[in-house]
Amino acid sequence: MKFKKVIGAVIGVLALLRATAQDADLDKMLDDEMNKKKKQETEHTAATFKTTMLINGQTVESTQAGILDFKISHRFGTLNSGAYNFFGLDNASIRLGLNYGISNRLSIGIGRSSFEKQFDGFLKYRLLWQSMGKKNIPVSVTLLSSVMLKTIKDSMEIRVDSITSKKVKLNFSDRFYYAFQVLIARKFNEAFSLQVMPTMIHYNIVPTSDIKNDFYALGIGGRMKITKRTSIIAEYYYVFPGNNLPKMYNSFSLGYEIETGGHVFQLNFTNSRGMTERTFITETTGRWSKGDIYFGFNVSRVFTLKHTKEQKW
């Protein structure tokens, strides 16, 4: 009797092992099929950055097709301005911007800044999109071209060149500035993304004849998630020696990013008051070491104006 029980137990164990092996084989087949399917499709990396703006500068992200992105950027006065100015909160500069996605790769935007009463516009194209599967692309690359118009009234309509002492009459075209950037980024994992930004800024007119009209800089920025909906963000622009303006410094910014449903809210500290490529890359006058730090924030709110089918690249 005991022998029959032992035989029955052995048969039961063998049947269980066989069923387990069959399940394992089935799981392996399903995994192989899924991996094969993934290799036949292209999976694009999502949310390298949470919005199209890092802090002052732009990210590789483009506004998706049919989406209108309304942006509000605020920069208060410097923290070292003292209690009389409520540590800068009594003074503020603001930029209002509208970005629209023509396609999932191409977007346009316009903006108006109270600082120096600037208008700006840009065209942004996502050349490469980090992906895996059928197309394995290690980085995202976005091309950015922007134009800025400075409309604040100058104290003098005639500018005197300090080198030649020659009087120069300012034309309307002298108020235009241009920026060209290649934005290169990689999302290394769910928590960390890094971006580099080779940049050229062109001035139609410069203060003195010994300064070149083209300025070259290299930016670097990143995002580190600390919770599901919050991140630390940072951005630095280095202007190469020999082509920078006098008494100007490199822009460095730190921020805390919060995602709240349809909004992305950023609290920032920066030594740059301006919020266009010209003003924060080549015309930053503040120094962190002296407390010339502007507190500010960026708010992004998106609206769906046109429903489109998802595009596959």
C-alpha atoms as a PDB file:
ATOM      1  CA  MET A   1       0.000   0.000   0.000  1.00  0.00           C
ATOM      2  CA  LYS A   2       2.805   2.333   0.915  1.00  0.00           C
ATOM      3  CA  PHE A   3       4.600   1.410  -2.284  1.00  0.00           C
ATOM      4  CA  LYS A   4       1.571   2.436  -4.373  1.00  0.00           C
ATOM      5  CA  LYS A   5       1.436   5.778  -2.568  1.00  0.00           C
ATOM      6  CA  VAL A   6       5.118   6.384  -3.323  1.00  0.00           C
ATOM      7  CA  ILE A   7       4.605   5.481  -6.983  1.00  0.00           C
ATOM      8  CA  GLY A   8       1.622   7.813  -7.166  1.00  0.00           C
ATOM      9  CA  ALA A   9       3.596  10.654  -5.602  1.00  0.00           C
ATOM     10  CA  VAL A  10       6.466  10.159  -8.041  1.00  0.00           C
ATOM     11  CA  ILE A  11       4.077  10.145 -10.994  1.00  0.00           C
ATOM     12  CA  GLY A  12       2.463  13.347  -9.654  1.00  0.00           C
ATOM     13  CA  VAL A  13       5.839  15.072  -9.296  1.00  0.00           C
ATOM     14  CA  LEU A  14       6.861  14.027 -12.809  1.00  0.00           C
ATOM     15  CA  ALA A  15       3.573  15.318 -14.228  1.00  0.00           C
ATOM     16  CA  LEU A  16       4.089  18.620 -12.395  1.00  0.00           C
ATOM     17  CA  LEU A  17       7.647  18.946 -13.702  1.00  0.00           C
ATOM     18  CA  ARG A  18       6.454  18.196 -17.220  1.00  0.00           C
ATOM     19  CA  ALA A  19       3.720  20.823 -16.968  1.00  0.00           C
ATOM     20  CA  THR A  20       6.209  23.341 -15.571  1.00  0.00           C
ATOM     21  CA  ALA A  21       8.621  22.609 -18.427  1.00  0.00           C
ATOM     22  CA  GLN A  22       5.832  23.036 -20.948  1.00  0.00           C
ATOM     23  CA  ASP A  23       4.870  26.359 -19.344  1.00  0.00           C
ATOM     24  CA  ALA A  24       8.522  27.448 -19.451  1.00  0.00           C
ATOM     25  CA  ASP A  25       8.759  26.476 -23.110  1.00  0.00           C
ATOM     26  CA  LEU A  26       5.552  28.390 -23.802  1.00  0.00           C
ATOM     27  CA  ASP A  27       6.843  31.467 -21.948  1.00  0.00           C
ATOM     28  CA  LYS A  28      10.105  31.271 -23.891  1.00  0.00           C
ATOM     29  CA  MET A  29       8.198  31.040 -27.165  1.00  0.00           C
ATOM     30  CA  LEU A  30       6.078  34.058 -26.233  1.00  0.00           C
ATOM     31  CA  ASP A  31       9.183  36.032 -25.186  1.00  0.00           C
ATOM     32  CA  ASP A  32      10.963  35.124 -28.414  1.00  0.00           C
ATOM     33  CA  GLU A  33       7.917  36.130 -30.423  1.00  0.00           C
ATOM     34  CA  MET A  34       7.642  39.435 -28.568  1.00  0.00           C
ATOM     35  CA  ASN A  35      11.355  40.184 -29.011  1.00  0.00           C
ATOM     36  CA  LYS A  36      11.084  39.318 -32.695  1.00  0.00           C
ATOM     37  CA  LYS A  37       8.116  41.666 -33.037  1.00  0.00           C
ATOM     38  CA  LYS A  38      10.004  44.447 -31.247  1.00  0.00           C
ATOM     39  CA  LYS A  39      12.948  44.026 -33.605  1.00  0.00           C
ATOM     40  CA  GLN A  40      10.574  44.396 -36.562  1.00  0.00           C
ATOM     41  CA  GLU A  41       9.143  47.670 -35.141  1.00  0.00           C
ATOM     42  CA  THR A  42      10.750  50.974 -34.181  1.00  0.00           C
ATOM     43  CA  GLU A  43      10.150  52.118 -30.615  1.00  0.00           C
ATOM     44  CA  HIS A  44      10.890  55.823 -30.130  1.00  0.00           C
ATOM     45  CA  THR A  45      12.120  57.101 -26.783  1.00  0.00           C
ATOM     46  CA  ALA A  46       9.453  59.126 -24.981  1.00  0.00           C
ATOM     47  CA  ALA A  47       9.973  62.117 -22.687  1.00  0.00           C
ATOM     48  CA  THR A  48      13.717  62.632 -22.903  1.00  0.00           C
ATOM     49  CA  PHE A  49      12.696  65.922 -21.316  1.00  0.00           C
ATOM     50  CA  LYS A  50       9.246  66.759 -19.980  1.00  0.00           C
ATOM     51  CA  THR A  51       8.828  69.953 -21.996  1.00  0.00           C
ATOM     52  CA  THR A  52      10.365  71.752 -24.974  1.00  0.00           C
ATOM     53  CA  MET A  53      12.207  74.158 -22.629  1.00  0.00           C
ATOM     54  CA  LEU A  54      14.987  73.100 -20.264  1.00  0.00           C
ATOM     55  CA  ILE A  55      15.305  76.345 -18.261  1.00  0.00           C
ATOM     56  CA  ASN A  56      16.258  79.262 -20.525  1.00  0.00           C
ATOM     57  CA  GLY A  57      17.130  77.213 -23.587  1.00  0.00           C
ATOM     58  CA  GLN A  58      15.244  74.624 -25.581  1.00  0.00           C
ATOM     59  CA  THR A  59      15.387  70.835 -25.500  1.00  0.00           C
ATOM     60  CA  VAL A  60      15.276  68.253 -28.274  1.00  0.00           C
ATOM     61  CA  GLU A  61      11.555  67.788 -27.592  1.00  0.00           C
ATOM     62  CA  SER A  62       9.223  69.139 -30.280  1.00  0.00           C
ATOM     63  CA  THR A  63       5.603  70.153 -29.896  1.00  0.00           C
ATOM     64  CA  GLN A  64       3.527  67.278 -31.262  1.00  0.00           C
ATOM     65  CA  ALA A  65       1.262  67.623 -34.306  1.00  0.00           C
ATOM     66  CA  GLY A  66      -1.889  69.635 -33.669  1.00  0.00           C
ATOM     67  CA  ILE A  67      -0.781  70.699 -30.164  1.00  0.00           C
ATOM     68  CA  LEU A  68      -0.549  74.336 -29.015  1.00  0.00           C
ATOM     69  CA  ASP A  69       1.865  74.881 -26.129  1.00  0.00           C
ATOM     70  CA  PHE A  70       1.368  78.115 -24.163  1.00  0.00           C
ATOM     71  CA  LYS A  71       4.407  79.124 -22.122  1.00  0.00           C
ATOM     72  CA  ILE A  72       4.809  81.746 -19.412  1.00  0.00           C
ATOM     73  CA  SER A  73       8.312  82.557 -18.156  1.00  0.00           C
ATOM     74  CA  HIS A  74       9.032  84.908 -15.255  1.00  0.00           C
ATOM     75  CA  ARG A  75      12.331  86.265 -13.957  1.00  0.00           C
ATOM     76  CA  PHE A  76      12.326  88.436 -10.853  1.00  0.00           C
ATOM     77  CA  GLY A  77      15.141  90.742  -9.748  1.00  0.00           C
ATOM     78  CA  THR A  78      18.391  89.521  -8.189  1.00  0.00           C
ATOM     79  CA  LEU A  79      18.352  87.984  -4.721  1.00  0.00           C
ATOM     80  CA  ASN A  80      21.114  90.373  -3.606  1.00  0.00           C
ATOM     81  CA  SER A  81      18.967  93.460  -4.295  1.00  0.00           C
ATOM     82  CA  GLY A  82      18.022  93.502  -0.625  1.00  0.00           C
ATOM     83  CA  ALA A  83      14.927  93.601   1.554  1.00  0.00           C
ATOM     84  CA  TYR A  84      13.820  96.975   0.139  1.00  0.00           C
ATOM     85  CA  ASN A  85      13.138  95.263  -3.209  1.00  0.00           C
ATOM     86  CA  PHE A  86      11.890  92.140  -1.375  1.00  0.00           C
ATOM     87  CA  PHE A  87      15.001  90.296  -2.603  1.00  0.00           C
ATOM     88  CA  GLY A  88      14.103  90.858  -6.235  1.00  0.00           C
ATOM     89  CA  LEU A  89      10.405  90.017  -6.121  1.00  0.00           C
ATOM     90  CA  ASP A  90       9.435  93.680  -6.637  1.00  0.00           C
ATOM     91  CA  ASN A  91      10.954  93.549 -10.125  1.00  0.00           C
ATOM     92  CA  ALA A  92      10.046  91.112 -12.865  1.00  0.00           C
ATOM     93  CA  SER A  93      10.549  90.339 -16.537  1.00  0.00           C
ATOM     94  CA  ILE A  94       8.113  88.125 -18.386  1.00  0.00           C
ATOM     95  CA  ARG A  95       8.024  86.202 -21.641  1.00  0.00           C
ATOM     96  CA  LEU A  96       4.842  84.860 -23.222  1.00  0.00           C
ATOM     97  CA  GLY A  97       5.239  82.207 -25.900  1.00  0.00           C
ATOM     98  CA  LEU A  98       3.141  80.067 -28.221  1.00  0.00           C
ATOM     99  CA  ASN A  99       4.512  76.885 -29.810  1.00  0.00           C
ATOM    100  CA  TYR A 100       2.597  74.831 -32.364  1.00  0.00           C
ATOM    101  CA  GLY A 101       3.318  71.407 -33.790  1.00  0.00           C
ATOM    102  CA  ILE A 102       2.951  71.241 -37.572  1.00  0.00           C
ATOM    103  CA  SER A 103       3.986  67.591 -37.440  1.00  0.00           C
ATOM    104  CA  ASN A 104       5.501  65.349 -34.787  1.00  0.00           C
ATOM    105  CA  ARG A 105       8.923  66.531 -35.932  1.00  0.00           C
ATOM    106  CA  LEU A 106       8.363  70.121 -37.084  1.00  0.00           C
ATOM    107  CA  SER A 107       7.179  72.961 -34.852  1.00  0.00           C
ATOM    108  CA  ILE A 108       7.118  76.756 -34.886  1.00  0.00           C
ATOM    109  CA  GLY A 109       6.923  79.325 -32.136  1.00  0.00           C
ATOM    110  CA  ILE A 110       6.635  83.012 -31.334  1.00  0.00           C
ATOM    111  CA  GLY A 111       7.253  84.996 -28.165  1.00  0.00           C
ATOM    112  CA  ARG A 112       7.228  88.430 -26.562  1.00  0.00           C
ATOM    113  CA  SER A 113       9.586  89.459 -23.736  1.00  0.00           C
ATOM    114  CA  SER A 114       9.198  92.534 -21.568  1.00  0.00           C
ATOM    115  CA  PHE A 115      12.998  92.582 -21.120  1.00  0.00           C
ATOM    116  CA  GLU A 116      14.260  94.962 -23.823  1.00  0.00           C
ATOM    117  CA  LYS A 117      10.793  94.614 -25.405  1.00  0.00           C
ATOM    118  CA  GLN A 118      11.809  91.708 -27.610  1.00  0.00           C
ATOM    119  CA  PHE A 119       9.860  89.702 -30.134  1.00  0.00           C
ATOM    120  CA  ASP A 120      11.185  86.290 -31.122  1.00  0.00           C
ATOM    121  CA  GLY A 121      10.278  83.434 -33.402  1.00  0.00           C
ATOM    122  CA  PHE A 122      11.752  80.038 -34.143  1.00  0.00           C
ATOM    123  CA  LEU A 123      11.580  76.998 -36.375  1.00  0.00           C
ATOM    124  CA  LYS A 124      12.411  73.616 -34.851  1.00  0.00           C
ATOM    125  CA  TYR A 125      12.940  70.288 -36.627  1.00  0.00           C
ATOM    126  CA  ARG A 126      13.596  66.916 -35.021  1.00  0.00           C
ATOM    127  CA  LEU A 127      16.177  65.367 -37.330  1.00  0.00           C
ATOM    128  CA  LEU A 128      16.866  62.163 -35.371  1.00  0.00           C
ATOM    129  CA  TRP A 129      14.757  60.473 -32.700  1.00  0.00           C
ATOM    130  CA  GLN A 130      16.383  58.139 -30.194  1.00  0.00           C
ATOM    131  CA  SER A 131      14.885  54.693 -30.765  1.00  0.00           C
ATOM    132  CA  MET A 132      15.394  50.953 -30.542  1.00  0.00           C
ATOM    133  CA  GLY A 133      14.121  47.958 -32.482  1.00  0.00           C
ATOM    134  CA  LYS A 134      14.096  48.013 -36.277  1.00  0.00           C
ATOM    135  CA  LYS A 135      15.884  51.379 -36.201  1.00  0.00           C
ATOM    136  CA  ASN A 136      18.412  51.676 -33.393  1.00  0.00           C
ATOM    137  CA  ILE A 137      19.335  55.367 -33.001  1.00  0.00           C
ATOM    138  CA  PRO A 138      21.393  56.182 -29.865  1.00  0.00           C
ATOM    139  CA  VAL A 139      20.607  59.933 -29.636  1.00  0.00           C
ATOM    140  CA  SER A 140      17.993  62.511 -30.563  1.00  0.00           C
ATOM    141  CA  VAL A 141      19.075  65.479 -32.714  1.00  0.00           C
ATOM    142  CA  THR A 142      16.963  68.602 -33.186  1.00  0.00           C
ATOM    143  CA  LEU A 143      17.809  71.637 -35.332  1.00  0.00           C
ATOM    144  CA  LEU A 144      16.761  75.072 -34.093  1.00  0.00           C
ATOM    145  CA  SER A 145      16.787  78.413 -35.904  1.00  0.00           C
ATOM    146  CA  SER A 146      15.479  81.527 -34.164  1.00  0.00           C
ATOM    147  CA  VAL A 147      15.256  85.253 -34.790  1.00  0.00           C
ATOM    148  CA  MET A 148      14.988  88.035 -32.206  1.00  0.00           C
ATOM    149  CA  LEU A 149      13.898  91.654 -32.638  1.00  0.00           C
ATOM    150  CA  LYS A 150      14.895  94.206 -30.002  1.00  0.00           C
ATOM    151  CA  THR A 151      12.347  97.055 -30.001  1.00  0.00           C
ATOM    152  CA  ILE A 152      13.299  99.056 -26.892  1.00  0.00           C
ATOM    153  CA  LYS A 153      14.089 102.674 -27.731  1.00  0.00           C
ATOM    154  CA  ASP A 154      17.809 103.324 -27.596  1.00  0.00           C
ATOM    155  CA  SER A 155      19.046 106.303 -25.656  1.00  0.00           C
ATOM    156  CA  MET A 156      20.708 107.550 -28.846  1.00  0.00           C
ATOM    157  CA  GLU A 157      19.792 106.989 -32.474  1.00  0.00           C
ATOM    158  CA  ILE A 158      23.463 107.535 -33.303  1.00  0.00           C
ATOM    159  CA  ARG A 159      26.013 105.123 -31.862  1.00  0.00           C
ATOM    160  CA  VAL A 160      29.658 106.126 -31.495  1.00  0.00           C
ATOM    161  CA  ASP A 161      32.225 103.399 -32.147  1.00  0.00           C
ATOM    162  CA  SER A 162      34.637 103.531 -29.183  1.00  0.00           C
ATOM    163  CA  ILE A 163      37.535 102.312 -31.362  1.00  0.00           C
ATOM    164  CA  THR A 164      37.214 104.529 -34.439  1.00  0.00           C
ATOM    165  CA  SER A 165      35.084 107.318 -32.859  1.00  0.00           C
ATOM    166  CA  LYS A 166      32.969 107.064 -35.988  1.00  0.00           C
ATOM    167  CA  LYS A 167      29.265 107.811 -35.649  1.00  0.00           C
ATOM    168  CA  VAL A 168      27.026 105.002 -36.836  1.00  0.00           C
ATOM    169  CA  LYS A 169      23.353 105.517 -37.571  1.00  0.00           C
ATOM    170  CA  LEU A 170      21.177 102.671 -36.338  1.00  0.00           C
ATOM    171  CA  ASN A 171      18.929 101.117 -38.963  1.00  0.00           C
ATOM    172  CA  PHE A 172      15.876  98.972 -38.294  1.00  0.00           C
ATOM    173  CA  SER A 173      17.774  95.885 -39.490  1.00  0.00           C
ATOM    174  CA  ASP A 174      20.347  96.476 -36.745  1.00  0.00           C
ATOM    175  CA  ARG A 175      17.734  95.420 -34.198  1.00  0.00           C
ATOM    176  CA  PHE A 176      17.678  91.830 -35.479  1.00  0.00           C
ATOM    177  CA  TYR A 177      19.640  88.941 -33.984  1.00  0.00           C
ATOM    178  CA  TYR A 178      19.763  85.276 -35.014  1.00  0.00           C
ATOM    179  CA  ALA A 179      20.555  81.992 -33.286  1.00  0.00           C
ATOM    180  CA  PHE A 180      21.351  78.580 -34.746  1.00  0.00           C
ATOM    181  CA  GLN A 181      21.593  75.470 -32.576  1.00  0.00           C
ATOM    182  CA  VAL A 182      22.091  71.727 -32.899  1.00  0.00           C
ATOM    183  CA  LEU A 183      20.487  70.049 -29.874  1.00  0.00           C
ATOM    184  CA  ILE A 184      21.866  66.561 -29.166  1.00  0.00           C
ATOM    185  CA  ALA A 185      20.394  64.500 -26.313  1.00  0.00           C
ATOM    186  CA  ARG A 186      20.238  60.987 -24.950  1.00  0.00           C
ATOM    187  CA  LYS A 187      17.895  59.473 -22.395  1.00  0.00           C
ATOM    188  CA  PHE A 188      20.149  57.012 -20.552  1.00  0.00           C
ATOM    189  CA  ASN A 189      17.406  55.568 -18.366  1.00  0.00           C
ATOM    190  CA  GLU A 190      14.039  56.532 -16.882  1.00  0.00           C
ATOM    191  CA  ALA A 191      15.729  58.917 -14.445  1.00  0.00           C
ATOM    192  CA  PHE A 192      18.538  60.664 -16.342  1.00  0.00           C
ATOM    193  CA  SER A 193      18.770  62.611 -19.624  1.00  0.00           C
ATOM    194  CA  LEU A 194      21.695  64.678 -20.929  1.00  0.00           C
ATOM    195  CA  GLN A 195      21.871  67.251 -23.735  1.00  0.00           C
ATOM    196  CA  VAL A 196      24.638  69.256 -25.455  1.00  0.00           C
ATOM    197  CA  MET A 197      23.933  72.373 -27.551  1.00  0.00           C
ATOM    198  CA  PRO A 198      26.505  73.723 -30.063  1.00  0.00           C
ATOM    199  CA  THR A 199      25.357  77.297 -30.748  1.00  0.00           C
ATOM    200  CA  MET A 200      26.049  80.274 -32.989  1.00  0.00           C
ATOM    201  CA  ILE A 201      24.565  83.727 -32.325  1.00  0.00           C
ATOM    202  CA  HIS A 202      24.686  86.390 -35.052  1.00  0.00           C
ATOM    203  CA  TYR A 203      24.430  90.144 -34.386  1.00  0.00           C
ATOM    204  CA  ASN A 204      23.607  92.441 -37.290  1.00  0.00           C
ATOM    205  CA  ILE A 205      25.472  95.159 -35.412  1.00  0.00           C
ATOM    206  CA  VAL A 206      27.972  94.975 -32.535  1.00  0.00           C
ATOM    207  CA  PRO A 207      29.063  97.699 -30.068  1.00  0.00           C
ATOM    208  CA  THR A 208      32.562  98.183 -31.498  1.00  0.00           C
ATOM    209  CA  SER A 209      34.364  97.325 -34.720  1.00  0.00           C
ATOM    210  CA  ASP A 210      36.841  94.989 -32.973  1.00  0.00           C
ATOM    211  CA  ILE A 211      34.036  92.588 -31.962  1.00  0.00           C
ATOM    212  CA  LYS A 212      32.964  89.955 -34.443  1.00  0.00           C
ATOM    213  CA  ASN A 213      29.315  89.624 -35.438  1.00  0.00           C
ATOM    214  CA  ASP A 214      29.216  85.868 -34.790  1.00  0.00           C
ATOM    215  CA  PHE A 215      29.436  84.355 -31.312  1.00  0.00           C
ATOM    216  CA  TYR A 216      30.048  80.656 -30.678  1.00  0.00           C
ATOM    217  CA  ALA A 217      29.031  78.797 -27.548  1.00  0.00           C
ATOM    218  CA  LEU A 218      28.537  75.263 -26.251  1.00  0.00           C
ATOM    219  CA  GLY A 219      25.743  74.444 -23.858  1.00  0.00           C
ATOM    220  CA  ILE A 220      25.194  71.400 -21.675  1.00  0.00           C
ATOM    221  CA  GLY A 221      22.107  70.521 -19.684  1.00  0.00           C
ATOM    222  CA  GLY A 222      20.449  67.648 -17.939  1.00  0.00           C
ATOM    223  CA  ARG A 223      17.452  66.302 -16.076  1.00  0.00           C
ATOM    224  CA  MET A 224      17.452  63.923 -13.108  1.00  0.00           C
ATOM    225  CA  LYS A 225      14.142  62.549 -11.851  1.00  0.00           C
ATOM    226  CA  ILE A 226      13.840  62.330  -8.066  1.00  0.00           C
ATOM    227  CA  THR A 227      10.218  61.180  -7.891  1.00  0.00           C
ATOM    228  CA  LYS A 228       7.623  60.095 -10.446  1.00  0.00           C
ATOM    229  CA  ARG A 229       6.568  63.709 -11.141  1.00  0.00           C
ATOM    230  CA  THR A 230       9.515  65.862 -10.007  1.00  0.00           C
ATOM    231  CA  SER A 231      13.039  66.419 -11.364  1.00  0.00           C
ATOM    232  CA  ILE A 232      16.185  68.473 -10.871  1.00  0.00           C
ATOM    233  CA  ILE A 233      17.230  70.315 -14.044  1.00  0.00           C
ATOM    234  CA  ALA A 234      20.412  72.239 -14.875  1.00  0.00           C
ATOM    235  CA  GLU A 235      21.834  74.196 -17.794  1.00  0.00           C
ATOM    236  CA  TYR A 236      25.189  75.865 -18.583  1.00  0.00           C
ATOM    237  CA  TYR A 237      26.379  77.786 -21.652  1.00  0.00           C
ATOM    238  CA  TYR A 238      30.079  78.371 -22.283  1.00  0.00           C
ATOM    239  CA  VAL A 239      30.918  81.192 -24.709  1.00  0.00           C
ATOM    240  CA  PHE A 240      34.242  80.532 -26.395  1.00  0.00           C
ATOM    241  CA  PRO A 241      36.999  83.092 -25.614  1.00  0.00           C
ATOM    242  CA  GLY A 242      37.852  85.745 -28.165  1.00  0.00           C
ATOM    243  CA  ASN A 243      34.313  86.322 -29.403  1.00  0.00           C
ATOM    244  CA  ASN A 244      32.402  87.351 -26.291  1.00  0.00           C
ATOM    245  CA  LEU A 245      31.109  90.768 -25.309  1.00  0.00           C
ATOM    246  CA  PRO A 246      32.885  92.815 -22.591  1.00  0.00           C
ATOM    247  CA  LYS A 247      31.744  92.292 -18.977  1.00  0.00           C
ATOM    248  CA  MET A 248      29.484  89.368 -19.906  1.00  0.00           C
ATOM    249  CA  TYR A 249      29.512  86.003 -18.171  1.00  0.00           C
ATOM    250  CA  ASN A 250      28.510  82.430 -18.914  1.00  0.00           C
ATOM    251  CA  SER A 251      24.930  81.515 -18.116  1.00  0.00           C
ATOM    252  CA  PHE A 252      24.315  78.901 -15.417  1.00  0.00           C
ATOM    253  CA  SER A 253      20.869  77.838 -14.221  1.00  0.00           C
ATOM    254  CA  LEU A 254      19.382  75.360 -11.765  1.00  0.00           C
ATOM    255  CA  GLY A 255      15.754  74.352 -11.463  1.00  0.00           C
ATOM    256  CA  TYR A 256      13.149  72.114  -9.864  1.00  0.00           C
ATOM    257  CA  GLU A 257      10.548  70.693 -12.235  1.00  0.00           C
ATOM    258  CA  ILE A 258       7.045  69.570 -11.252  1.00  0.00           C
ATOM    259  CA  GLU A 259       4.559  67.818 -13.524  1.00  0.00           C
ATOM    260  CA  THR A 260       0.921  68.395 -12.570  1.00  0.00           C
ATOM    261  CA  GLY A 261      -1.424  66.861 -15.122  1.00  0.00           C
ATOM    262  CA  GLY A 262      -1.536  69.112 -18.178  1.00  0.00           C
ATOM    263  CA  HIS A 263       0.974  71.559 -16.683  1.00  0.00           C
ATOM    264  CA  VAL A 264       4.736  71.461 -16.282  1.00  0.00           C
ATOM    265  CA  PHE A 265       5.938  73.915 -13.626  1.00  0.00           C
ATOM    266  CA  GLN A 266       9.613  74.855 -13.182  1.00  0.00           C
ATOM    267  CA  LEU A 267      11.152  76.877 -10.340  1.00  0.00           C
ATOM    268  CA  ASN A 268      14.508  78.307 -11.485  1.00  0.00           C
ATOM    269  CA  PHE A 269      17.597  80.114 -10.235  1.00  0.00           C
ATOM    270  CA  THR A 270      19.824  81.703 -12.898  1.00  0.00           C
ATOM    271  CA  ASN A 271      22.332  84.503 -13.399  1.00  0.00           C
ATOM    272  CA  SER A 272      20.591  85.459 -16.679  1.00  0.00           C
ATOM    273  CA  ARG A 273      17.768  87.953 -16.792  1.00  0.00           C
ATOM    274  CA  GLY A 274      16.937  87.564 -20.480  1.00  0.00           C
ATOM    275  CA  MET A 275      14.940  84.639 -21.861  1.00  0.00           C
ATOM    276  CA  THR A 276      15.978  84.594 -25.532  1.00  0.00           C
ATOM    277  CA  GLU A 277      19.120  82.957 -26.947  1.00  0.00           C
ATOM    278  CA  ARG A 278      20.824  86.305 -27.494  1.00  0.00           C
ATOM    279  CA  THR A 279      20.177  87.664 -24.007  1.00  0.00           C
ATOM    280  CA  PHE A 280      21.013  84.623 -21.892  1.00  0.00           C
ATOM    281  CA  ILE A 281      23.880  83.131 -23.949  1.00  0.00           C
ATOM    282  CA  THR A 282      25.866  86.238 -24.935  1.00  0.00           C
ATOM    283  CA  GLU A 283      24.516  89.019 -22.691  1.00  0.00           C
ATOM    284  CA  THR A 284      24.436  87.590 -19.175  1.00  0.00           C
ATOM    285  CA  THR A 285      25.690  90.277 -16.779  1.00  0.00           C
ATOM    286  CA  GLY A 286      25.083  88.491 -13.470  1.00  0.00           C
ATOM    287  CA  ARG A 287      27.599  86.485 -11.462  1.00  0.00           C
ATOM    288  CA  TRP A 288      26.677  83.697  -9.077  1.00  0.00           C
ATOM    289  CA  SER A 289      29.713  84.508  -6.897  1.00  0.00           C
ATOM    290  CA  LYS A 290      28.306  87.994  -6.252  1.00  0.00           C
ATOM    291  CA  GLY A 291      24.743  86.873  -5.621  1.00  0.00           C
ATOM    292  CA  ASP A 292      23.435  88.137  -8.978  1.00  0.00           C
ATOM    293  CA  ILE A 293      20.868  85.338  -9.029  1.00  0.00           C
ATOM    294  CA  TYR A 294      17.422  85.732 -10.557  1.00  0.00           C
ATOM    295  CA  PHE A 295      14.646  83.604  -9.150  1.00  0.00           C
ATOM    296  CA  GLY A 296      11.905  82.748 -11.625  1.00  0.00           C
ATOM    297  CA  PHE A 297       9.586  80.132 -13.013  1.00  0.00           C
ATOM    298  CA  ASN A 298       8.367  78.607 -16.271  1.00  0.00           C
ATOM    299  CA  VAL A 299       4.855  77.267 -16.809  1.00  0.00           C
ATOM    300  CA  SER A 300       3.817  75.162 -19.792  1.00  0.00           C
ATOM    301  CA  ARG A 301       0.189  74.332 -20.665  1.00  0.00           C
ATOM    302  CA  VAL A 302      -0.745  72.344 -23.766  1.00  0.00           C
ATOM    303  CA  PHE A 303      -3.992  72.426 -25.752  1.00  0.00           C
ATOM    304  CA  THR A 304      -5.085  69.975 -28.446  1.00  0.00           C
ATOM    305  CA  LEU A 305      -6.278  72.007 -31.436  1.00  0.00           C
ATOM    306  CA  LYS A 306      -6.290  69.231 -34.003  1.00  0.00           C
ATOM    307  CA  HIS A 307      -6.535  65.485 -33.527  1.00  0.00           C
ATOM    308  CA  THR A 308      -4.132  63.622 -35.804  1.00  0.00           C
ATOM    309  CA  LYS A 309      -3.271  59.997 -36.361  1.00  0.00           C
ATOM    310  CA  GLU A 310      -0.087  58.827 -34.700  1.00  0.00           C
ATOM    311  CA  GLN A 311       2.766  59.045 -37.161  1.00  0.00           C
ATOM    312  CA  LYS A 312       5.312  56.254 -37.522  1.00  0.00           C
ATOM    313  CA  TRP A 313       8.804  57.214 -38.574  1.00  0.00           C
END
